Structure formats: structure tokens, C-alpha cells
């Protein structure tokens, strides 16, 4: 179970760093900075539990291209294999982008269970 938790944290940290978000300062990650202060659409994913709630279709449409661009940039700068196309983060990211794109196009929320 521990490797899954580490990967989720690594995924969030990488995306946050790419977007210029200091994750440890954010609410829910040990800090007191409100997510409403973040303009990046990545906030919809970063400030969301992995196992409950939903992202609206509008949020999915906003988030999908930004997530795709972030993943592409992280893969291009990848020196330790964490973001390459065959890595866990690379595969998980592509899956998330595909799901967000589909749900946004169909007008459906992304439901986390």
C-alpha cells in the first residue's frame, strides 16, 4: 500500500511544482493558504480527494488541456524516470486527461469512488 501513497503524493507534488503552487502551504497539505487563491485549473485536481466527490464537466473541460500540457512539460524535463510515458505518473496522467476530455465533451462529471 505504501508505494501507491508515495506515487499519489509524487504526482500531486510534480503537478503543483509545475504550476508554481507550494503544496505544503496549501490547505489540506499542512498549510493555511486557501485554494481559492490559485488560478491554475490544476487546482480542481490537486485539491480533490482521490476516493470521493466529483469534478464537474465544466471543470473537466478547463482542466484537461492544462493537465495535458503540464504532463508534457514534466516528461520533457524528466531526469529520473518519474514522468516518462511508461512511468506510473505518465500512464496515470494520460488516463486522467482522457477521462477529463471525455467527460467534458459529454457534459458529465468525473466521479471519484
N, C-alpha and C. Protein backbone atom coordinates (compact mmCIF):
# COMPACT_ATOMS: atom_id res chain seq x y z
N UNK A 1 0.81 -1.20 0.00
CA UNK A 1 0.00 0.00 0.00
C UNK A 1 0.85 1.26 0.00
N UNK A 2 1.96 1.26 0.65
CA UNK A 2 2.81 2.46 0.74
C UNK A 2 3.24 2.98 -0.63
N UNK A 3 3.64 2.13 -1.60
CA UNK A 3 4.05 2.67 -2.90
C UNK A 3 2.95 3.45 -3.61
N UNK A 4 1.70 3.04 -3.45
CA UNK A 4 0.60 3.77 -4.07
C UNK A 4 0.50 5.16 -3.47
N UNK A 5 0.60 5.27 -2.16
CA UNK A 5 0.52 6.56 -1.49
C UNK A 5 1.67 7.45 -1.95
N UNK A 6 2.86 6.91 -2.01
CA UNK A 6 4.02 7.68 -2.46
C UNK A 6 3.80 8.17 -3.87
N UNK A 7 3.29 7.33 -4.74
CA UNK A 7 3.06 7.74 -6.12
C UNK A 7 2.03 8.85 -6.20
N UNK A 8 0.96 8.76 -5.45
CA UNK A 8 -0.06 9.81 -5.47
C UNK A 8 0.53 11.12 -5.00
N UNK A 9 1.33 11.08 -3.95
CA UNK A 9 1.96 12.29 -3.44
C UNK A 9 2.92 12.83 -4.48
N UNK A 10 3.71 11.98 -5.11
CA UNK A 10 4.66 12.39 -6.13
C UNK A 10 3.92 13.04 -7.30
N UNK A 11 2.81 12.48 -7.70
CA UNK A 11 2.02 13.01 -8.80
C UNK A 11 1.54 14.42 -8.47
N UNK A 12 0.96 14.59 -7.30
CA UNK A 12 0.47 15.90 -6.87
C UNK A 12 1.60 16.90 -6.73
N UNK A 13 2.69 16.48 -6.11
CA UNK A 13 3.82 17.40 -5.92
C UNK A 13 4.39 17.86 -7.25
N UNK A 14 4.53 16.94 -8.19
CA UNK A 14 5.06 17.31 -9.50
C UNK A 14 4.17 18.30 -10.23
N UNK A 15 2.88 18.04 -10.23
CA UNK A 15 1.95 18.96 -10.88
C UNK A 15 1.92 20.31 -10.19
N UNK A 16 1.92 20.30 -8.87
CA UNK A 16 1.90 21.56 -8.11
C UNK A 16 3.16 22.37 -8.40
N UNK A 17 4.30 21.72 -8.36
CA UNK A 17 5.56 22.43 -8.63
C UNK A 17 5.55 23.02 -10.04
N UNK A 18 5.07 22.25 -11.00
CA UNK A 18 5.00 22.75 -12.38
C UNK A 18 4.14 24.01 -12.46
N UNK A 19 3.04 24.05 -11.71
CA UNK A 19 2.12 25.18 -11.73
C UNK A 19 2.54 26.32 -10.81
N UNK A 20 3.67 26.14 -10.11
CA UNK A 20 4.12 27.18 -9.18
C UNK A 20 3.35 27.22 -7.88
N UNK A 21 2.75 26.10 -7.52
CA UNK A 21 1.97 26.00 -6.29
C UNK A 21 2.84 25.35 -5.23
N UNK A 22 3.00 26.01 -4.10
CA UNK A 22 3.76 25.45 -2.98
C UNK A 22 2.81 24.57 -2.18
N UNK A 23 2.73 23.30 -2.54
CA UNK A 23 1.75 22.39 -1.99
C UNK A 23 1.73 22.33 -0.46
N UNK A 24 2.89 22.29 0.22
CA UNK A 24 2.86 22.23 1.69
C UNK A 24 2.23 23.47 2.35
N UNK A 25 2.09 24.55 1.62
CA UNK A 25 1.46 25.75 2.17
C UNK A 25 -0.05 25.77 1.97
N UNK A 26 -0.56 24.81 1.20
CA UNK A 26 -1.98 24.80 0.85
C UNK A 26 -2.82 24.08 1.91
N UNK A 27 -4.07 24.53 2.04
CA UNK A 27 -4.99 23.84 2.94
C UNK A 27 -5.12 22.39 2.51
N UNK A 28 -5.12 21.52 3.50
CA UNK A 28 -5.22 20.09 3.23
C UNK A 28 -3.87 19.42 3.06
N UNK A 29 -2.81 20.22 2.98
CA UNK A 29 -1.46 19.67 2.82
C UNK A 29 -0.52 20.23 3.89
N UNK A 30 -1.10 20.73 4.97
CA UNK A 30 -0.30 21.22 6.09
C UNK A 30 -0.25 22.72 6.23
N UNK A 31 -0.72 23.45 5.24
CA UNK A 31 -0.66 24.90 5.30
C UNK A 31 -2.02 25.52 5.46
N UNK A 32 -2.06 26.85 5.36
CA UNK A 32 -3.33 27.55 5.54
C UNK A 32 -3.72 28.42 4.35
N UNK A 33 -2.99 28.29 3.25
CA UNK A 33 -3.33 29.06 2.05
C UNK A 33 -4.56 28.43 1.39
N UNK A 34 -5.56 29.26 1.13
CA UNK A 34 -6.81 28.78 0.54
C UNK A 34 -6.63 28.47 -0.94
N UNK A 35 -7.28 27.42 -1.41
CA UNK A 35 -7.22 27.04 -2.81
C UNK A 35 -7.86 28.08 -3.72
N UNK A 36 -8.73 28.91 -3.17
CA UNK A 36 -9.35 29.96 -3.98
C UNK A 36 -8.32 30.98 -4.46
N UNK A 37 -7.14 30.99 -3.85
CA UNK A 37 -6.08 31.90 -4.27
C UNK A 37 -5.31 31.38 -5.48
N UNK A 38 -5.57 30.15 -5.89
CA UNK A 38 -4.86 29.53 -7.01
C UNK A 38 -5.68 29.72 -8.29
N UNK A 39 -5.04 30.26 -9.32
CA UNK A 39 -5.75 30.49 -10.57
C UNK A 39 -5.65 29.31 -11.55
N UNK A 40 -4.65 28.46 -11.39
CA UNK A 40 -4.46 27.34 -12.32
C UNK A 40 -5.62 26.35 -12.22
N UNK A 41 -6.12 25.90 -13.36
CA UNK A 41 -7.15 24.86 -13.34
C UNK A 41 -6.68 23.57 -12.67
N UNK A 42 -5.37 23.39 -12.51
CA UNK A 42 -4.88 22.21 -11.81
C UNK A 42 -5.41 22.13 -10.38
N UNK A 43 -5.89 23.27 -9.86
CA UNK A 43 -6.45 23.27 -8.50
C UNK A 43 -7.62 22.30 -8.38
N UNK A 44 -8.36 22.11 -9.47
CA UNK A 44 -9.52 21.20 -9.43
C UNK A 44 -9.08 19.77 -9.12
N UNK A 45 -7.90 19.39 -9.57
CA UNK A 45 -7.39 18.04 -9.34
C UNK A 45 -6.56 17.98 -8.05
N UNK A 46 -5.71 18.97 -7.84
CA UNK A 46 -4.82 18.95 -6.68
C UNK A 46 -5.58 19.05 -5.36
N UNK A 47 -6.64 19.82 -5.36
CA UNK A 47 -7.44 20.00 -4.15
C UNK A 47 -8.66 19.09 -4.19
N UNK A 48 -8.42 17.84 -4.48
CA UNK A 48 -9.53 16.89 -4.59
C UNK A 48 -9.09 15.55 -4.04
N UNK A 49 -9.93 14.93 -3.19
CA UNK A 49 -9.57 13.60 -2.70
C UNK A 49 -9.58 12.58 -3.83
N UNK A 50 -8.81 11.54 -3.67
CA UNK A 50 -8.71 10.50 -4.70
C UNK A 50 -9.89 9.54 -4.69
N UNK A 51 -10.69 9.55 -3.62
CA UNK A 51 -11.68 8.49 -3.46
C UNK A 51 -13.10 8.97 -3.16
N UNK A 52 -13.39 10.26 -3.40
CA UNK A 52 -14.75 10.74 -3.18
C UNK A 52 -14.96 12.06 -3.91
N UNK A 53 -16.22 12.41 -4.10
CA UNK A 53 -16.56 13.68 -4.72
C UNK A 53 -16.55 13.61 -6.24
N UNK A 54 -16.61 14.80 -6.85
CA UNK A 54 -16.62 14.85 -8.30
C UNK A 54 -16.02 16.15 -8.81
N UNK A 55 -15.63 16.11 -10.06
CA UNK A 55 -15.20 17.29 -10.79
C UNK A 55 -16.26 17.51 -11.85
N UNK A 56 -16.79 18.72 -11.93
CA UNK A 56 -17.87 18.99 -12.88
C UNK A 56 -17.38 18.91 -14.32
N UNK A 57 -18.32 18.81 -15.24
CA UNK A 57 -17.97 18.77 -16.67
C UNK A 57 -17.25 20.06 -17.08
N UNK A 58 -17.70 21.19 -16.57
CA UNK A 58 -17.02 22.46 -16.88
C UNK A 58 -15.59 22.46 -16.36
N UNK A 59 -15.39 21.97 -15.14
CA UNK A 59 -14.05 21.89 -14.58
C UNK A 59 -13.19 20.91 -15.39
N UNK A 60 -13.78 19.81 -15.82
CA UNK A 60 -13.06 18.82 -16.62
C UNK A 60 -12.59 19.43 -17.93
N UNK A 61 -13.47 20.20 -18.60
CA UNK A 61 -13.09 20.86 -19.86
C UNK A 61 -11.95 21.85 -19.63
N UNK A 62 -11.98 22.56 -18.52
CA UNK A 62 -10.94 23.53 -18.20
C UNK A 62 -9.62 22.83 -17.83
N UNK A 63 -9.74 21.74 -17.12
CA UNK A 63 -8.58 21.04 -16.58
C UNK A 63 -7.83 20.19 -17.60
N UNK A 64 -8.53 19.50 -18.47
CA UNK A 64 -7.90 18.52 -19.38
C UNK A 64 -6.72 19.08 -20.18
N UNK A 65 -6.86 20.21 -20.88
CA UNK A 65 -5.72 20.68 -21.67
C UNK A 65 -4.56 21.18 -20.81
N UNK A 66 -4.87 21.73 -19.66
CA UNK A 66 -3.81 22.22 -18.76
C UNK A 66 -3.05 21.04 -18.16
N UNK A 67 -3.77 19.99 -17.80
CA UNK A 67 -3.12 18.79 -17.28
C UNK A 67 -2.26 18.16 -18.37
N UNK A 68 -2.78 18.08 -19.58
CA UNK A 68 -2.00 17.53 -20.70
C UNK A 68 -0.71 18.32 -20.89
N UNK A 69 -0.80 19.64 -20.91
CA UNK A 69 0.38 20.48 -21.10
C UNK A 69 1.38 20.30 -19.94
N UNK A 70 0.88 20.21 -18.73
CA UNK A 70 1.75 20.02 -17.56
C UNK A 70 2.48 18.68 -17.65
N UNK A 71 1.76 17.64 -18.01
CA UNK A 71 2.37 16.32 -18.12
C UNK A 71 3.41 16.28 -19.24
N UNK A 72 3.13 16.95 -20.34
CA UNK A 72 4.08 17.01 -21.44
C UNK A 72 5.36 17.73 -21.01
N UNK A 73 5.21 18.84 -20.31
CA UNK A 73 6.37 19.59 -19.83
C UNK A 73 7.16 18.80 -18.80
N UNK A 74 6.47 18.13 -17.90
CA UNK A 74 7.16 17.33 -16.88
C UNK A 74 7.92 16.17 -17.52
N UNK A 75 7.34 15.55 -18.52
CA UNK A 75 8.02 14.45 -19.20
C UNK A 75 9.26 14.94 -19.92
N UNK A 76 9.19 16.13 -20.52
CA UNK A 76 10.33 16.68 -21.24
C UNK A 76 11.49 17.02 -20.30
N UNK A 77 11.18 17.35 -19.05
CA UNK A 77 12.20 17.72 -18.07
C UNK A 77 12.59 16.54 -17.18
N UNK A 78 12.07 15.37 -17.46
CA UNK A 78 12.22 14.19 -16.60
C UNK A 78 13.63 13.63 -16.67
N UNK A 79 14.32 13.67 -15.53
CA UNK A 79 15.67 13.13 -15.47
C UNK A 79 15.75 11.83 -14.67
N UNK A 80 14.69 11.50 -13.96
CA UNK A 80 14.74 10.31 -13.10
C UNK A 80 13.65 9.29 -13.42
N UNK A 81 12.97 9.44 -14.53
CA UNK A 81 12.01 8.45 -14.96
C UNK A 81 10.65 8.51 -14.29
N UNK A 82 10.36 9.57 -13.53
CA UNK A 82 9.07 9.65 -12.84
C UNK A 82 7.92 10.10 -13.73
N UNK A 83 8.23 10.76 -14.85
CA UNK A 83 7.18 11.34 -15.67
C UNK A 83 7.17 10.85 -17.11
N UNK A 84 8.04 9.94 -17.44
CA UNK A 84 8.10 9.41 -18.80
C UNK A 84 6.82 8.69 -19.19
N UNK A 85 6.62 8.44 -20.47
CA UNK A 85 5.38 7.83 -20.94
C UNK A 85 5.12 6.44 -20.37
N UNK A 86 6.16 5.73 -19.99
CA UNK A 86 5.98 4.39 -19.44
C UNK A 86 5.99 4.34 -17.92
N UNK A 87 6.14 5.49 -17.28
CA UNK A 87 6.15 5.54 -15.82
C UNK A 87 4.72 5.50 -15.28
N UNK A 88 4.60 5.23 -14.00
CA UNK A 88 3.28 5.24 -13.36
C UNK A 88 2.63 6.61 -13.54
N UNK A 89 3.37 7.68 -13.26
CA UNK A 89 2.82 9.02 -13.38
C UNK A 89 2.42 9.34 -14.82
N UNK A 90 3.22 8.92 -15.78
CA UNK A 90 2.90 9.15 -17.19
C UNK A 90 1.62 8.46 -17.60
N UNK A 91 1.49 7.18 -17.24
CA UNK A 91 0.28 6.42 -17.58
C UNK A 91 -0.94 6.98 -16.85
N UNK A 92 -0.79 7.25 -15.55
CA UNK A 92 -1.91 7.78 -14.76
C UNK A 92 -2.35 9.14 -15.29
N UNK A 93 -1.38 9.95 -15.67
CA UNK A 93 -1.70 11.27 -16.21
C UNK A 93 -2.46 11.18 -17.52
N UNK A 94 -2.00 10.34 -18.43
CA UNK A 94 -2.70 10.17 -19.71
C UNK A 94 -4.13 9.66 -19.49
N UNK A 95 -4.28 8.73 -18.55
CA UNK A 95 -5.62 8.20 -18.25
C UNK A 95 -6.53 9.31 -17.72
N UNK A 96 -5.98 10.15 -16.86
CA UNK A 96 -6.77 11.26 -16.30
C UNK A 96 -7.17 12.25 -17.40
N UNK A 97 -6.22 12.59 -18.27
CA UNK A 97 -6.53 13.52 -19.36
C UNK A 97 -7.63 12.94 -20.25
N UNK A 98 -7.52 11.67 -20.59
CA UNK A 98 -8.54 11.04 -21.44
C UNK A 98 -9.91 11.07 -20.77
N UNK A 99 -9.95 10.75 -19.51
CA UNK A 99 -11.22 10.75 -18.78
C UNK A 99 -11.80 12.15 -18.69
N UNK A 100 -10.98 13.13 -18.35
CA UNK A 100 -11.44 14.51 -18.25
C UNK A 100 -11.95 15.02 -19.60
N UNK A 101 -11.24 14.69 -20.66
CA UNK A 101 -11.64 15.12 -22.00
C UNK A 101 -12.99 14.51 -22.38
N UNK A 102 -13.14 13.21 -22.15
CA UNK A 102 -14.39 12.54 -22.47
C UNK A 102 -15.56 13.11 -21.66
N UNK A 103 -15.37 13.23 -20.36
CA UNK A 103 -16.45 13.73 -19.51
C UNK A 103 -16.80 15.19 -19.87
N UNK A 104 -15.79 16.00 -20.14
CA UNK A 104 -16.06 17.37 -20.53
C UNK A 104 -16.84 17.45 -21.83
N UNK A 105 -16.46 16.63 -22.80
CA UNK A 105 -17.14 16.62 -24.09
C UNK A 105 -18.57 16.12 -23.99
N UNK A 106 -18.80 15.17 -23.11
CA UNK A 106 -20.14 14.58 -22.95
C UNK A 106 -21.00 15.34 -21.93
N UNK A 107 -20.40 16.34 -21.26
CA UNK A 107 -21.16 17.10 -20.26
C UNK A 107 -21.40 16.31 -18.98
N UNK A 108 -20.49 15.40 -18.67
CA UNK A 108 -20.65 14.55 -17.50
C UNK A 108 -19.60 14.87 -16.43
N UNK A 109 -19.96 14.75 -15.16
CA UNK A 109 -18.96 14.95 -14.12
C UNK A 109 -18.02 13.75 -14.04
N UNK A 110 -16.82 13.98 -13.51
CA UNK A 110 -15.89 12.90 -13.19
C UNK A 110 -16.15 12.56 -11.74
N UNK A 111 -16.58 11.33 -11.49
CA UNK A 111 -16.94 10.93 -10.13
C UNK A 111 -15.82 10.06 -9.56
N UNK A 112 -15.35 10.43 -8.38
CA UNK A 112 -14.28 9.71 -7.71
C UNK A 112 -14.89 8.76 -6.69
N UNK A 113 -14.52 7.48 -6.77
CA UNK A 113 -15.01 6.50 -5.79
C UNK A 113 -13.87 5.67 -5.26
